[in-house]
Amino acid sequence: MFKLLLLIAIIWGVYYFFIKKKPLPNKESDVMVECEKCHTFISSREAIIKDGKYYCSKKCAGAKE
């Protein structure tokens, strides 16, 4: 009985540490978006959002078209 429990524990350990897939990183954090004014690409985390549009800087966000 002890050997069976030990075998199950070893199989579980191998699965847990080597086979189990790691969670994928949040893909949204690496999305590149285009500035509405100058058309430069910038990370969505660093972009300035104004009226639902992405801008690369305060200068572009405040600029009138």
C-alpha atoms as a PDB file:
ATOM      1  CA  MET A   1       0.000   0.000   0.000  1.00  0.00           C
ATOM      2  CA  PHE A   2       2.838   2.385   0.848  1.00  0.00           C
ATOM      3  CA  LYS A   3       4.482   1.700  -2.525  1.00  0.00           C
ATOM      4  CA  LEU A   4       1.253   2.571  -4.343  1.00  0.00           C
ATOM      5  CA  LEU A   5       0.893   5.855  -2.456  1.00  0.00           C
ATOM      6  CA  LEU A   6       4.560   6.669  -3.120  1.00  0.00           C
ATOM      7  CA  LEU A   7       4.118   5.949  -6.832  1.00  0.00           C
ATOM      8  CA  ILE A   8       1.043   8.190  -7.002  1.00  0.00           C
ATOM      9  CA  ALA A   9       2.919  10.965  -5.196  1.00  0.00           C
ATOM     10  CA  ILE A  10       5.868  10.704  -7.601  1.00  0.00           C
ATOM     11  CA  ILE A  11       3.602  10.759 -10.669  1.00  0.00           C
ATOM     12  CA  TRP A  12       1.724  13.762  -9.282  1.00  0.00           C
ATOM     13  CA  GLY A  13       5.024  15.550  -8.523  1.00  0.00           C
ATOM     14  CA  VAL A  14       6.349  14.977 -12.043  1.00  0.00           C
ATOM     15  CA  TYR A  15       3.083  16.252 -13.517  1.00  0.00           C
ATOM     16  CA  TYR A  16       2.908  19.278 -11.219  1.00  0.00           C
ATOM     17  CA  PHE A  17       6.482  20.464 -11.689  1.00  0.00           C
ATOM     18  CA  PHE A  18       7.246  19.500 -15.291  1.00  0.00           C
ATOM     19  CA  ILE A  19       4.121  18.907 -17.361  1.00  0.00           C
ATOM     20  CA  LYS A  20       1.527  21.325 -15.973  1.00  0.00           C
ATOM     21  CA  LYS A  21       1.281  24.366 -18.236  1.00  0.00           C
ATOM     22  CA  LYS A  22       2.117  27.720 -16.774  1.00  0.00           C
ATOM     23  CA  PRO A  23      -0.547  30.438 -17.025  1.00  0.00           C
ATOM     24  CA  LEU A  24      -0.061  32.664 -20.044  1.00  0.00           C
ATOM     25  CA  PRO A  25       0.813  36.307 -19.412  1.00  0.00           C
ATOM     26  CA  ASN A  26      -1.830  38.903 -19.999  1.00  0.00           C
ATOM     27  CA  LYS A  27      -1.571  39.594 -23.720  1.00  0.00           C
ATOM     28  CA  GLU A  28      -3.390  42.902 -23.438  1.00  0.00           C
ATOM     29  CA  SER A  29      -0.437  44.415 -21.594  1.00  0.00           C
ATOM     30  CA  ASP A  30       1.765  44.019 -24.684  1.00  0.00           C
ATOM     31  CA  VAL A  31      -0.635  45.364 -27.316  1.00  0.00           C
ATOM     32  CA  MET A  32       0.732  48.114 -29.526  1.00  0.00           C
ATOM     33  CA  VAL A  33      -1.716  50.844 -30.540  1.00  0.00           C
ATOM     34  CA  GLU A  34      -1.398  53.623 -33.094  1.00  0.00           C
ATOM     35  CA  CYS A  35      -1.421  57.285 -32.103  1.00  0.00           C
ATOM     36  CA  GLU A  36      -4.449  58.986 -33.645  1.00  0.00           C
ATOM     37  CA  LYS A  37      -2.486  62.144 -34.502  1.00  0.00           C
ATOM     38  CA  CYS A  38       1.066  61.162 -35.564  1.00  0.00           C
ATOM     39  CA  HIS A  39       0.454  57.449 -36.299  1.00  0.00           C
ATOM     40  CA  THR A  40       3.324  56.305 -34.078  1.00  0.00           C
ATOM     41  CA  PHE A  41       2.880  52.932 -32.370  1.00  0.00           C
ATOM     42  CA  ILE A  42       3.021  52.848 -28.575  1.00  0.00           C
ATOM     43  CA  SER A  43       2.263  50.293 -25.871  1.00  0.00           C
ATOM     44  CA  SER A  44      -1.345  50.428 -24.693  1.00  0.00           C
ATOM     45  CA  ARG A  45      -0.080  50.699 -21.122  1.00  0.00           C
ATOM     46  CA  GLU A  46       1.828  53.895 -21.929  1.00  0.00           C
ATOM     47  CA  ALA A  47      -0.737  55.446 -24.271  1.00  0.00           C
ATOM     48  CA  ILE A  48      -2.929  58.363 -23.316  1.00  0.00           C
ATOM     49  CA  ILE A  49      -6.625  57.711 -23.976  1.00  0.00           C
ATOM     50  CA  LYS A  50      -8.781  60.714 -24.799  1.00  0.00           C
ATOM     51  CA  ASP A  51     -12.332  60.387 -26.136  1.00  0.00           C
ATOM     52  CA  GLY A  52     -11.748  56.675 -26.748  1.00  0.00           C
ATOM     53  CA  LYS A  53      -8.690  57.295 -28.971  1.00  0.00           C
ATOM     54  CA  TYR A  54      -5.058  56.499 -28.232  1.00  0.00           C
ATOM     55  CA  TYR A  55      -2.328  59.137 -28.238  1.00  0.00           C
ATOM     56  CA  CYS A  56       1.427  58.789 -27.734  1.00  0.00           C
ATOM     57  CA  SER A  57       1.922  62.019 -25.756  1.00  0.00           C
ATOM     58  CA  LYS A  58       0.102  64.921 -24.143  1.00  0.00           C
ATOM     59  CA  LYS A  59       1.155  67.049 -27.087  1.00  0.00           C
ATOM     60  CA  CYS A  60      -0.643  64.762 -29.555  1.00  0.00           C
ATOM     61  CA  ALA A  61      -3.657  64.382 -27.256  1.00  0.00           C
ATOM     62  CA  GLY A  62      -4.089  68.156 -27.017  1.00  0.00           C
ATOM     63  CA  ALA A  63      -3.448  68.869 -30.695  1.00  0.00           C
ATOM     64  CA  LYS A  64      -6.412  69.786 -32.871  1.00  0.00           C
ATOM     65  CA  GLU A  65      -6.755  68.202 -36.294  1.00  0.00           C
END
